[in-house]
Amino acid sequence: MDIEHKNRINALFAFYGELLAKKQQAYLRYYYEDDFSIIEIAEEEQVSRQAVSDNLKKGCEALEHYEKVLALYTESMHRQSLEENLLTYVTAHYQDDHHLKELIDQMVNQEIN
């Protein structure tokens, strides 16, 4: 399994997993989070390997579709990059301004009211 694909599916699952059917959620957790094989999932769930394979495929397709429409993951990654750039800049140019650093930390951690 390609590690980049696995990481992407896990990230998308964190954003959109609750939108999937319960079986798809379970199969994706087994396969991507717990590293079960398709055979192990089929045995655990007492279904055919084809059923597991189909649900994994449909679940991944659904996650990609949700991301294409909603772009929550993409926006999150963009925001994270901006936050890192801001922190780097402030650290380099305003190293003595502790109040500014505190405000930025609060913003990054979603604590500003």
PDB file of N, CA and C in Angstrom:
ATOM      1  N   MET A   1       0.848  -1.181   0.000  1.00  0.00           N
ATOM      2  CA  MET A   1       0.000   0.000   0.000  1.00  0.00           C
ATOM      3  C   MET A   1       0.892   1.243   0.000  1.00  0.00           C
ATOM      4  N   ASP A   2       0.573   2.191  -0.827  1.00  0.00           N
ATOM      5  CA  ASP A   2       1.295   3.450  -0.939  1.00  0.00           C
ATOM      6  C   ASP A   2       1.040   4.288   0.318  1.00  0.00           C
ATOM      7  N   ILE A   3       2.118   4.684   0.991  1.00  0.00           N
ATOM      8  CA  ILE A   3       1.991   5.408   2.258  1.00  0.00           C
ATOM      9  C   ILE A   3       1.339   6.786   2.067  1.00  0.00           C
ATOM     10  N   GLU A   4       1.609   7.445   0.948  1.00  0.00           N
ATOM     11  CA  GLU A   4       0.983   8.735   0.693  1.00  0.00           C
ATOM     12  C   GLU A   4      -0.530   8.588   0.536  1.00  0.00           C
ATOM     13  N   HIS A   5      -0.945   7.532  -0.173  1.00  0.00           N
ATOM     14  CA  HIS A   5      -2.383   7.275  -0.338  1.00  0.00           C
ATOM     15  C   HIS A   5      -3.017   6.977   1.020  1.00  0.00           C
ATOM     16  N   LYS A   6      -2.351   6.157   1.801  1.00  0.00           N
ATOM     17  CA  LYS A   6      -2.861   5.807   3.133  1.00  0.00           C
ATOM     18  C   LYS A   6      -3.008   7.056   4.001  1.00  0.00           C
ATOM     19  N   ASN A   7      -1.999   7.913   3.994  1.00  0.00           N
ATOM     20  CA  ASN A   7      -2.057   9.138   4.797  1.00  0.00           C
ATOM     21  C   ASN A   7      -3.177  10.060   4.319  1.00  0.00           C
ATOM     22  N   ARG A   8      -3.361  10.152   3.006  1.00  0.00           N
ATOM     23  CA  ARG A   8      -4.427  10.998   2.469  1.00  0.00           C
ATOM     24  C   ARG A   8      -5.797  10.475   2.884  1.00  0.00           C
ATOM     25  N   ILE A   9      -5.998   9.165   2.748  1.00  0.00           N
ATOM     26  CA  ILE A   9      -7.291   8.579   3.118  1.00  0.00           C
ATOM     27  C   ILE A   9      -7.542   8.777   4.612  1.00  0.00           C
ATOM     28  N   ASN A  10      -6.542   8.580   5.434  1.00  0.00           N
ATOM     29  CA  ASN A  10      -6.708   8.801   6.875  1.00  0.00           C
ATOM     30  C   ASN A  10      -7.061  10.254   7.177  1.00  0.00           C
ATOM     31  N   ALA A  11      -6.420  11.188   6.469  1.00  0.00           N
ATOM     32  CA  ALA A  11      -6.724  12.613   6.678  1.00  0.00           C
ATOM     33  C   ALA A  11      -8.148  12.930   6.222  1.00  0.00           C
ATOM     34  N   LEU A  12      -8.526  12.443   5.054  1.00  0.00           N
ATOM     35  CA  LEU A  12      -9.883  12.686   4.560  1.00  0.00           C
ATOM     36  C   LEU A  12     -10.914  12.030   5.471  1.00  0.00           C
ATOM     37  N   PHE A  13     -10.582  10.855   5.972  1.00  0.00           N
ATOM     38  CA  PHE A  13     -11.491  10.144   6.872  1.00  0.00           C
ATOM     39  C   PHE A  13     -11.737  10.964   8.142  1.00  0.00           C
ATOM     40  N   ALA A  14     -10.695  11.643   8.626  1.00  0.00           N
ATOM     41  CA  ALA A  14     -10.860  12.478   9.818  1.00  0.00           C
ATOM     42  C   ALA A  14     -11.858  13.608   9.565  1.00  0.00           C
ATOM     43  N   PHE A  15     -11.883  14.133   8.350  1.00  0.00           N
ATOM     44  CA  PHE A  15     -12.802  15.222   8.014  1.00  0.00           C
ATOM     45  C   PHE A  15     -14.199  14.722   7.661  1.00  0.00           C
ATOM     46  N   TYR A  16     -14.273  13.641   6.905  1.00  0.00           N
ATOM     47  CA  TYR A  16     -15.544  13.248   6.297  1.00  0.00           C
ATOM     48  C   TYR A  16     -16.040  11.854   6.691  1.00  0.00           C
ATOM     49  N   GLY A  17     -15.333  11.177   7.548  1.00  0.00           N
ATOM     50  CA  GLY A  17     -15.680   9.791   7.880  1.00  0.00           C
ATOM     51  C   GLY A  17     -17.108   9.596   8.350  1.00  0.00           C
ATOM     52  N   GLU A  18     -17.612  10.538   9.112  1.00  0.00           N
ATOM     53  CA  GLU A  18     -18.974  10.416   9.645  1.00  0.00           C
ATOM     54  C   GLU A  18     -20.041  10.488   8.550  1.00  0.00           C
ATOM     55  N   LEU A  19     -19.671  10.950   7.379  1.00  0.00           N
ATOM     56  CA  LEU A  19     -20.627  11.030   6.271  1.00  0.00           C
ATOM     57  C   LEU A  19     -20.781   9.701   5.534  1.00  0.00           C
ATOM     58  N   LEU A  20     -19.894   8.761   5.799  1.00  0.00           N
ATOM     59  CA  LEU A  20     -19.929   7.464   5.140  1.00  0.00           C
ATOM     60  C   LEU A  20     -20.899   6.521   5.833  1.00  0.00           C
ATOM     61  N   ALA A  21     -21.299   5.490   5.104  1.00  0.00           N
ATOM     62  CA  ALA A  21     -22.112   4.420   5.695  1.00  0.00           C
ATOM     63  C   ALA A  21     -21.295   3.745   6.801  1.00  0.00           C
ATOM     64  N   LYS A  22     -21.971   3.219   7.792  1.00  0.00           N
ATOM     65  CA  LYS A  22     -21.296   2.609   8.947  1.00  0.00           C
ATOM     66  C   LYS A  22     -20.342   1.492   8.528  1.00  0.00           C
ATOM     67  N   LYS A  23     -20.743   0.661   7.573  1.00  0.00           N
ATOM     68  CA  LYS A  23     -19.876  -0.422   7.105  1.00  0.00           C
ATOM     69  C   LYS A  23     -18.627   0.136   6.433  1.00  0.00           C
ATOM     70  N   GLN A  24     -18.796   1.170   5.630  1.00  0.00           N
ATOM     71  CA  GLN A  24     -17.638   1.785   4.992  1.00  0.00           C
ATOM     72  C   GLN A  24     -16.687   2.358   6.046  1.00  0.00           C
ATOM     73  N   GLN A  25     -17.247   2.984   7.055  1.00  0.00           N
ATOM     74  CA  GLN A  25     -16.422   3.520   8.138  1.00  0.00           C
ATOM     75  C   GLN A  25     -15.617   2.402   8.795  1.00  0.00           C
ATOM     76  N   ALA A  26     -16.304   1.322   9.107  1.00  0.00           N
ATOM     77  CA  ALA A  26     -15.643   0.207   9.779  1.00  0.00           C
ATOM     78  C   ALA A  26     -14.546  -0.387   8.908  1.00  0.00           C
ATOM     79  N   TYR A  27     -14.841  -0.623   7.643  1.00  0.00           N
ATOM     80  CA  TYR A  27     -13.856  -1.233   6.743  1.00  0.00           C
ATOM     81  C   TYR A  27     -12.657  -0.317   6.545  1.00  0.00           C
ATOM     82  N   LEU A  28     -12.906   0.990   6.400  1.00  0.00           N
ATOM     83  CA  LEU A  28     -11.796   1.925   6.230  1.00  0.00           C
ATOM     84  C   LEU A  28     -10.939   1.990   7.491  1.00  0.00           C
ATOM     85  N   ARG A  29     -11.560   1.927   8.653  1.00  0.00           N
ATOM     86  CA  ARG A  29     -10.782   1.908   9.906  1.00  0.00           C
ATOM     87  C   ARG A  29      -9.908   0.659   9.979  1.00  0.00           C
ATOM     88  N   TYR A  30     -10.542  -0.484   9.701  1.00  0.00           N
ATOM     89  CA  TYR A  30      -9.769  -1.731   9.711  1.00  0.00           C
ATOM     90  C   TYR A  30      -8.569  -1.638   8.766  1.00  0.00           C
ATOM     91  N   TYR A  31      -8.829  -1.216   7.553  1.00  0.00           N
ATOM     92  CA  TYR A  31      -7.818  -1.278   6.498  1.00  0.00           C
ATOM     93  C   TYR A  31      -6.754  -0.192   6.632  1.00  0.00           C
ATOM     94  N   TYR A  32      -7.176   1.047   6.848  1.00  0.00           N
ATOM     95  CA  TYR A  32      -6.230   2.154   6.847  1.00  0.00           C
ATOM     96  C   TYR A  32      -5.678   2.513   8.219  1.00  0.00           C
ATOM     97  N   GLU A  33      -6.456   2.330   9.254  1.00  0.00           N
ATOM     98  CA  GLU A  33      -5.966   2.678  10.585  1.00  0.00           C
ATOM     99  C   GLU A  33      -5.339   1.480  11.304  1.00  0.00           C
ATOM    100  N   ASP A  34      -5.959   0.309  11.161  1.00  0.00           N
ATOM    101  CA  ASP A  34      -5.514  -0.865  11.900  1.00  0.00           C
ATOM    102  C   ASP A  34      -4.651  -1.812  11.071  1.00  0.00           C
ATOM    103  N   ASP A  35      -4.470  -1.506   9.785  1.00  0.00           N
ATOM    104  CA  ASP A  35      -3.645  -2.301   8.878  1.00  0.00           C
ATOM    105  C   ASP A  35      -4.107  -3.752   8.719  1.00  0.00           C
ATOM    106  N   PHE A  36      -5.424  -3.971   8.769  1.00  0.00           N
ATOM    107  CA  PHE A  36      -5.957  -5.296   8.486  1.00  0.00           C
ATOM    108  C   PHE A  36      -5.873  -5.530   6.982  1.00  0.00           C
ATOM    109  N   SER A  37      -5.730  -6.783   6.595  1.00  0.00           N
ATOM    110  CA  SER A  37      -5.813  -7.135   5.177  1.00  0.00           C
ATOM    111  C   SER A  37      -7.289  -7.287   4.805  1.00  0.00           C
ATOM    112  N   ILE A  38      -7.562  -7.324   3.524  1.00  0.00           N
ATOM    113  CA  ILE A  38      -8.939  -7.531   3.067  1.00  0.00           C
ATOM    114  C   ILE A  38      -9.463  -8.868   3.578  1.00  0.00           C
ATOM    115  N   ILE A  39      -8.622  -9.864   3.571  1.00  0.00           N
ATOM    116  CA  ILE A  39      -9.022 -11.198   4.066  1.00  0.00           C
ATOM    117  C   ILE A  39      -9.365 -11.130   5.548  1.00  0.00           C
ATOM    118  N   GLU A  40      -8.554 -10.431   6.333  1.00  0.00           N
ATOM    119  CA  GLU A  40      -8.813 -10.316   7.772  1.00  0.00           C
ATOM    120  C   GLU A  40     -10.114  -9.569   8.047  1.00  0.00           C
ATOM    121  N   ILE A  41     -10.361  -8.530   7.274  1.00  0.00           N
ATOM    122  CA  ILE A  41     -11.611  -7.778   7.446  1.00  0.00           C
ATOM    123  C   ILE A  41     -12.795  -8.672   7.092  1.00  0.00           C
ATOM    124  N   ALA A  42     -12.689  -9.394   6.001  1.00  0.00           N
ATOM    125  CA  ALA A  42     -13.772 -10.283   5.573  1.00  0.00           C
ATOM    126  C   ALA A  42     -14.070 -11.327   6.647  1.00  0.00           C
ATOM    127  N   GLU A  43     -13.044 -11.887   7.233  1.00  0.00           N
ATOM    128  CA  GLU A  43     -13.240 -12.870   8.304  1.00  0.00           C
ATOM    129  C   GLU A  43     -13.860 -12.235   9.539  1.00  0.00           C
ATOM    130  N   GLU A  44     -13.374 -11.050   9.903  1.00  0.00           N
ATOM    131  CA  GLU A  44     -13.886 -10.349  11.081  1.00  0.00           C
ATOM    132  C   GLU A  44     -15.363  -9.997  10.925  1.00  0.00           C
ATOM    133  N   GLU A  45     -15.732  -9.538   9.731  1.00  0.00           N
ATOM    134  CA  GLU A  45     -17.098  -9.085   9.469  1.00  0.00           C
ATOM    135  C   GLU A  45     -17.998 -10.184   8.894  1.00  0.00           C
ATOM    136  N   GLN A  46     -17.411 -11.327   8.624  1.00  0.00           N
ATOM    137  CA  GLN A  46     -18.135 -12.481   8.063  1.00  0.00           C
ATOM    138  C   GLN A  46     -18.846 -12.113   6.754  1.00  0.00           C
ATOM    139  N   VAL A  47     -18.056 -11.495   5.856  1.00  0.00           N
ATOM    140  CA  VAL A  47     -18.529 -11.144   4.522  1.00  0.00           C
ATOM    141  C   VAL A  47     -17.480 -11.595   3.517  1.00  0.00           C
ATOM    142  N   SER A  48     -17.814 -11.488   2.247  1.00  0.00           N
ATOM    143  CA  SER A  48     -16.865 -11.879   1.211  1.00  0.00           C
ATOM    144  C   SER A  48     -15.756 -10.837   1.067  1.00  0.00           C
ATOM    145  N   ARG A  49     -14.630 -11.282   0.515  1.00  0.00           N
ATOM    146  CA  ARG A  49     -13.537 -10.355   0.237  1.00  0.00           C
ATOM    147  C   ARG A  49     -13.984  -9.298  -0.772  1.00  0.00           C
ATOM    148  N   GLN A  50     -14.839  -9.714  -1.703  1.00  0.00           N
ATOM    149  CA  GLN A  50     -15.345  -8.773  -2.709  1.00  0.00           C
ATOM    150  C   GLN A  50     -16.170  -7.661  -2.056  1.00  0.00           C
ATOM    151  N   ALA A  51     -16.962  -8.029  -1.052  1.00  0.00           N
ATOM    152  CA  ALA A  51     -17.764  -7.024  -0.344  1.00  0.00           C
ATOM    153  C   ALA A  51     -16.853  -6.012   0.350  1.00  0.00           C
ATOM    154  N   VAL A  52     -15.794  -6.508   0.967  1.00  0.00           N
ATOM    155  CA  VAL A  52     -14.842  -5.613   1.629  1.00  0.00           C
ATOM    156  C   VAL A  52     -14.178  -4.710   0.601  1.00  0.00           C
ATOM    157  N   SER A  53     -13.689  -5.310  -0.464  1.00  0.00           N
ATOM    158  CA  SER A  53     -13.016  -4.555  -1.519  1.00  0.00           C
ATOM    159  C   SER A  53     -13.929  -3.475  -2.108  1.00  0.00           C
ATOM    160  N   ASP A  54     -15.168  -3.846  -2.397  1.00  0.00           N
ATOM    161  CA  ASP A  54     -16.128  -2.887  -2.950  1.00  0.00           C
ATOM    162  C   ASP A  54     -16.386  -1.733  -1.986  1.00  0.00           C
ATOM    163  N   ASN A  55     -16.562  -2.052  -0.707  1.00  0.00           N
ATOM    164  CA  ASN A  55     -16.816  -1.004   0.284  1.00  0.00           C
ATOM    165  C   ASN A  55     -15.607  -0.097   0.487  1.00  0.00           C
ATOM    166  N   LEU A  56     -14.414  -0.660   0.445  1.00  0.00           N
ATOM    167  CA  LEU A  56     -13.213   0.165   0.550  1.00  0.00           C
ATOM    168  C   LEU A  56     -13.117   1.117  -0.636  1.00  0.00           C
ATOM    169  N   LYS A  57     -13.350   0.589  -1.820  1.00  0.00           N
ATOM    170  CA  LYS A  57     -13.275   1.414  -3.024  1.00  0.00           C
ATOM    171  C   LYS A  57     -14.323   2.526  -2.992  1.00  0.00           C
ATOM    172  N   LYS A  58     -15.559   2.154  -2.680  1.00  0.00           N
ATOM    173  CA  LYS A  58     -16.634   3.146  -2.631  1.00  0.00           C
ATOM    174  C   LYS A  58     -16.394   4.175  -1.528  1.00  0.00           C
ATOM    175  N   GLY A  59     -15.888   3.723  -0.401  1.00  0.00           N
ATOM    176  CA  GLY A  59     -15.597   4.634   0.699  1.00  0.00           C
ATOM    177  C   GLY A  59     -14.525   5.643   0.321  1.00  0.00           C
ATOM    178  N   CYS A  60     -13.464   5.180  -0.324  1.00  0.00           N
ATOM    179  CA  CYS A  60     -12.395   6.089  -0.767  1.00  0.00           C
ATOM    180  C   CYS A  60     -12.911   7.062  -1.817  1.00  0.00           C
ATOM    181  N   GLU A  61     -13.710   6.564  -2.736  1.00  0.00           N
ATOM    182  CA  GLU A  61     -14.291   7.436  -3.759  1.00  0.00           C
ATOM    183  C   GLU A  61     -15.183   8.504  -3.130  1.00  0.00           C
ATOM    184  N   ALA A  62     -15.948   8.109  -2.128  1.00  0.00           N
ATOM    185  CA  ALA A  62     -16.829   9.065  -1.447  1.00  0.00           C
ATOM    186  C   ALA A  62     -16.004  10.128  -0.720  1.00  0.00           C
ATOM    187  N   LEU A  63     -14.936   9.717  -0.047  1.00  0.00           N
ATOM    188  CA  LEU A  63     -14.081  10.680   0.650  1.00  0.00           C
ATOM    189  C   LEU A  63     -13.477  11.681  -0.334  1.00  0.00           C
ATOM    190  N   GLU A  64     -12.999  11.177  -1.467  1.00  0.00           N
ATOM    191  CA  GLU A  64     -12.422  12.060  -2.486  1.00  0.00           C
ATOM    192  C   GLU A  64     -13.487  13.005  -3.051  1.00  0.00           C
ATOM    193  N   HIS A  65     -14.694  12.498  -3.211  1.00  0.00           N
ATOM    194  CA  HIS A  65     -15.786  13.342  -3.712  1.00  0.00           C
ATOM    195  C   HIS A  65     -16.109  14.458  -2.714  1.00  0.00           C
ATOM    196  N   TYR A  66     -16.208  14.114  -1.447  1.00  0.00           N
ATOM    197  CA  TYR A  66     -16.488  15.126  -0.430  1.00  0.00           C
ATOM    198  C   TYR A  66     -15.394  16.191  -0.421  1.00  0.00           C
ATOM    199  N   GLU A  67     -14.147  15.761  -0.549  1.00  0.00           N
ATOM    200  CA  GLU A  67     -13.042  16.718  -0.566  1.00  0.00           C
ATOM    201  C   GLU A  67     -13.115  17.608  -1.807  1.00  0.00           C
ATOM    202  N   LYS A  68     -13.461  17.019  -2.932  1.00  0.00           N
ATOM    203  CA  LYS A  68     -13.572  17.805  -4.167  1.00  0.00           C
ATOM    204  C   LYS A  68     -14.645  18.886  -4.022  1.00  0.00           C
ATOM    205  N   VAL A  69     -15.741  18.544  -3.383  1.00  0.00           N
ATOM    206  CA  VAL A  69     -16.858  19.483  -3.235  1.00  0.00           C
ATOM    207  C   VAL A  69     -16.617  20.472  -2.090  1.00  0.00           C
ATOM    208  N   LEU A  70     -16.157  20.005  -0.956  1.00  0.00           N
ATOM    209  CA  LEU A  70     -16.060  20.840   0.243  1.00  0.00           C
ATOM    210  C   LEU A  70     -14.661  21.416   0.510  1.00  0.00           C
ATOM    211  N   ALA A  71     -13.635  20.707   0.092  1.00  0.00           N
ATOM    212  CA  ALA A  71     -12.234  21.144   0.218  1.00  0.00           C
ATOM    213  C   ALA A  71     -11.815  21.475   1.651  1.00  0.00           C
ATOM    214  N   LEU A  72     -12.360  20.811   2.630  1.00  0.00           N
ATOM    215  CA  LEU A  72     -11.991  21.081   4.022  1.00  0.00           C
ATOM    216  C   LEU A  72     -10.541  20.709   4.314  1.00  0.00           C
ATOM    217  N   TYR A  73     -10.115  19.575   3.799  1.00  0.00           N
ATOM    218  CA  TYR A  73      -8.735  19.126   4.013  1.00  0.00           C
ATOM    219  C   TYR A  73      -7.755  20.081   3.335  1.00  0.00           C
ATOM    220  N   THR A  74      -8.030  20.438   2.096  1.00  0.00           N
ATOM    221  CA  THR A  74      -7.157  21.346   1.357  1.00  0.00           C
ATOM    222  C   THR A  74      -7.048  22.684   2.067  1.00  0.00           C
ATOM    223  N   GLU A  75      -8.175  23.214   2.511  1.00  0.00           N
ATOM    224  CA  GLU A  75      -8.169  24.490   3.238  1.00  0.00           C
ATOM    225  C   GLU A  75      -7.412  24.373   4.558  1.00  0.00           C
ATOM    226  N   SER A  76      -7.549  23.249   5.219  1.00  0.00           N
ATOM    227  CA  SER A  76      -6.838  23.027   6.476  1.00  0.00           C
ATOM    228  C   SER A  76      -5.327  23.009   6.256  1.00  0.00           C
ATOM    229  N   MET A  77      -4.893  22.337   5.196  1.00  0.00           N
ATOM    230  CA  MET A  77      -3.465  22.282   4.885  1.00  0.00           C
ATOM    231  C   MET A  77      -2.939  23.672   4.513  1.00  0.00           C
ATOM    232  N   HIS A  78      -3.738  24.430   3.774  1.00  0.00           N
ATOM    233  CA  HIS A  78      -3.345  25.785   3.397  1.00  0.00           C
ATOM    234  C   HIS A  78      -3.219  26.676   4.642  1.00  0.00           C
ATOM    235  N   ARG A  79      -4.195  26.561   5.528  1.00  0.00           N
ATOM    236  CA  ARG A  79      -4.156  27.360   6.756  1.00  0.00           C
ATOM    237  C   ARG A  79      -2.943  26.976   7.609  1.00  0.00           C
ATOM    238  N   GLN A  80      -2.663  25.693   7.687  1.00  0.00           N
ATOM    239  CA  GLN A  80      -1.517  25.231   8.471  1.00  0.00           C
ATOM    240  C   GLN A  80      -0.217  25.812   7.902  1.00  0.00           C
ATOM    241  N   SER A  81      -0.101  25.849   6.600  1.00  0.00           N
ATOM    242  CA  SER A  81       1.081  26.420   5.954  1.00  0.00           C
ATOM    243  C   SER A  81       1.207  27.912   6.263  1.00  0.00           C
ATOM    244  N   LEU A  82       0.099  28.633   6.176  1.00  0.00           N
ATOM    245  CA  LEU A  82       0.114  30.057   6.504  1.00  0.00           C
ATOM    246  C   LEU A  82       0.512  30.293   7.958  1.00  0.00           C
ATOM    247  N   GLU A  83      -0.014  29.473   8.857  1.00  0.00           N
ATOM    248  CA  GLU A  83       0.317  29.606  10.275  1.00  0.00           C
ATOM    249  C   GLU A  83       1.803  29.361  10.512  1.00  0.00           C
ATOM    250  N   GLU A  84       2.353  28.354   9.845  1.00  0.00           N
ATOM    251  CA  GLU A  84       3.781  28.061   9.993  1.00  0.00           C
ATOM    252  C   GLU A  84       4.628  29.221   9.464  1.00  0.00           C
ATOM    253  N   ASN A  85       4.225  29.781   8.323  1.00  0.00           N
ATOM    254  CA  ASN A  85       4.956  30.925   7.769  1.00  0.00           C
ATOM    255  C   ASN A  85       4.890  32.127   8.706  1.00  0.00           C
ATOM    256  N   LEU A  86       3.726  32.380   9.278  1.00  0.00           N
ATOM    257  CA  LEU A  86       3.564  33.488  10.206  1.00  0.00           C
ATOM    258  C   LEU A  86       4.437  33.292  11.443  1.00  0.00           C
ATOM    259  N   LEU A  87       4.419  32.100  12.006  1.00  0.00           N
ATOM    260  CA  LEU A  87       5.237  31.835  13.191  1.00  0.00           C
ATOM    261  C   LEU A  87       6.724  31.983  12.888  1.00  0.00           C
ATOM    262  N   THR A  88       7.143  31.524  11.729  1.00  0.00           N
ATOM    263  CA  THR A  88       8.542  31.663  11.331  1.00  0.00           C
ATOM    264  C   THR A  88       8.927  33.132  11.215  1.00  0.00           C
ATOM    265  N   TYR A  89       8.066  33.918  10.593  1.00  0.00           N
ATOM    266  CA  TYR A  89       8.327  35.347  10.414  1.00  0.00           C
ATOM    267  C   TYR A  89       8.393  36.072  11.759  1.00  0.00           C
ATOM    268  N   VAL A  90       7.425  35.800  12.606  1.00  0.00           N
ATOM    269  CA  VAL A  90       7.392  36.464  13.914  1.00  0.00           C
ATOM    270  C   VAL A  90       8.610  36.066  14.738  1.00  0.00           C
ATOM    271  N   THR A  91       8.975  34.813  14.702  1.00  0.00           N
ATOM    272  CA  THR A  91      10.144  34.358  15.451  1.00  0.00           C
ATOM    273  C   THR A  91      11.412  35.054  14.962  1.00  0.00           C
ATOM    274  N   ALA A  92      11.508  35.232  13.640  1.00  0.00           N
ATOM    275  CA  ALA A  92      12.703  35.858  13.069  1.00  0.00           C
ATOM    276  C   ALA A  92      12.745  37.368  13.282  1.00  0.00           C
ATOM    277  N   HIS A  93      11.601  38.041  13.252  1.00  0.00           N
ATOM    278  CA  HIS A  93      11.588  39.507  13.262  1.00  0.00           C
ATOM    279  C   HIS A  93      11.063  40.151  14.553  1.00  0.00           C
ATOM    280  N   TYR A  94      10.358  39.384  15.349  1.00  0.00           N
ATOM    281  CA  TYR A  94       9.761  39.935  16.576  1.00  0.00           C
ATOM    282  C   TYR A  94      10.024  39.015  17.763  1.00  0.00           C
ATOM    283  N   GLN A  95      11.247  38.566  17.863  1.00  0.00           N
ATOM    284  CA  GLN A  95      11.577  37.563  18.872  1.00  0.00           C
ATOM    285  C   GLN A  95      11.378  38.035  20.309  1.00  0.00           C
ATOM    286  N   ASP A  96      11.381  39.324  20.541  1.00  0.00           N
ATOM    287  CA  ASP A  96      11.208  39.835  21.899  1.00  0.00           C
ATOM    288  C   ASP A  96       9.766  40.204  22.230  1.00  0.00           C
ATOM    289  N   ASP A  97       8.878  40.127  21.270  1.00  0.00           N
ATOM    290  CA  ASP A  97       7.476  40.502  21.491  1.00  0.00           C
ATOM    291  C   ASP A  97       6.685  39.267  21.959  1.00  0.00           C
ATOM    292  N   HIS A  98       6.704  39.042  23.249  1.00  0.00           N
ATOM    293  CA  HIS A  98       6.062  37.856  23.822  1.00  0.00           C
ATOM    294  C   HIS A  98       4.539  37.917  23.705  1.00  0.00           C
ATOM    295  N   HIS A  99       3.986  39.118  23.795  1.00  0.00           N
ATOM    296  CA  HIS A  99       2.535  39.269  23.665  1.00  0.00           C
ATOM    297  C   HIS A  99       2.083  38.875  22.243  1.00  0.00           C
ATOM    298  N   LEU A 100       2.819  39.304  21.251  1.00  0.00           N
ATOM    299  CA  LEU A 100       2.493  38.938  19.865  1.00  0.00           C
ATOM    300  C   LEU A 100       2.560  37.422  19.677  1.00  0.00           C
ATOM    301  N   LYS A 101       3.602  36.811  20.202  1.00  0.00           N
ATOM    302  CA  LYS A 101       3.732  35.351  20.096  1.00  0.00           C
ATOM    303  C   LYS A 101       2.567  34.641  20.789  1.00  0.00           C
ATOM    304  N   GLU A 102       2.160  35.155  21.929  1.00  0.00           N
ATOM    305  CA  GLU A 102       1.037  34.573  22.667  1.00  0.00           C
ATOM    306  C   GLU A 102      -0.257  34.685  21.856  1.00  0.00           C
ATOM    307  N   LEU A 103      -0.488  35.849  21.249  1.00  0.00           N
ATOM    308  CA  LEU A 103      -1.684  36.035  20.429  1.00  0.00           C
ATOM    309  C   LEU A 103      -1.682  35.084  19.226  1.00  0.00           C
ATOM    310  N   ILE A 104      -0.542  34.939  18.616  1.00  0.00           N
ATOM    311  CA  ILE A 104      -0.447  34.026  17.464  1.00  0.00           C
ATOM    312  C   ILE A 104      -0.668  32.584  17.907  1.00  0.00           C
ATOM    313  N   ASP A 105      -0.090  32.202  19.026  1.00  0.00           N
ATOM    314  CA  ASP A 105      -0.324  30.851  19.548  1.00  0.00           C
ATOM    315  C   ASP A 105      -1.810  30.614  19.802  1.00  0.00           C
ATOM    316  N   GLN A 106      -2.488  31.608  20.358  1.00  0.00           N
ATOM    317  CA  GLN A 106      -3.925  31.484  20.599  1.00  0.00           C
ATOM    318  C   GLN A 106      -4.678  31.343  19.288  1.00  0.00           C
ATOM    319  N   MET A 107      -4.308  32.130  18.304  1.00  0.00           N
ATOM    320  CA  MET A 107      -4.974  32.069  17.002  1.00  0.00           C
ATOM    321  C   MET A 107      -4.765  30.699  16.362  1.00  0.00           C
ATOM    322  N   VAL A 108      -3.552  30.225  16.385  1.00  0.00           N
ATOM    323  CA  VAL A 108      -3.238  28.928  15.786  1.00  0.00           C
ATOM    324  C   VAL A 108      -4.009  27.810  16.482  1.00  0.00           C
ATOM    325  N   ASN A 109      -4.173  27.953  17.761  1.00  0.00           N
ATOM    326  CA  ASN A 109      -4.879  26.935  18.537  1.00  0.00           C
ATOM    327  C   ASN A 109      -6.365  27.213  18.695  1.00  0.00           C
ATOM    328  N   GLN A 110      -6.882  28.182  17.943  1.00  0.00           N
ATOM    329  CA  GLN A 110      -8.316  28.507  17.912  1.00  0.00           C
ATOM    330  C   GLN A 110      -8.850  28.967  19.267  1.00  0.00           C
ATOM    331  N   GLU A 111      -8.064  29.712  19.998  1.00  0.00           N
ATOM    332  CA  GLU A 111      -8.488  30.137  21.323  1.00  0.00           C
ATOM    333  C   GLU A 111      -8.962  31.582  21.379  1.00  0.00           C
ATOM    334  N   ILE A 112      -8.854  32.327  20.288  1.00  0.00           N
ATOM    335  CA  ILE A 112      -9.315  33.717  20.299  1.00  0.00           C
ATOM    336  C   ILE A 112     -10.845  33.739  20.255  1.00  0.00           C
ATOM    337  N   ASN A 113     -11.443  34.516  21.119  1.00  0.00           N
ATOM    338  CA  ASN A 113     -12.906  34.623  21.171  1.00  0.00           C
ATOM    339  C   ASN A 113     -13.375  35.819  20.398  1.00  0.00           C
TER     340      ASN A 113
END
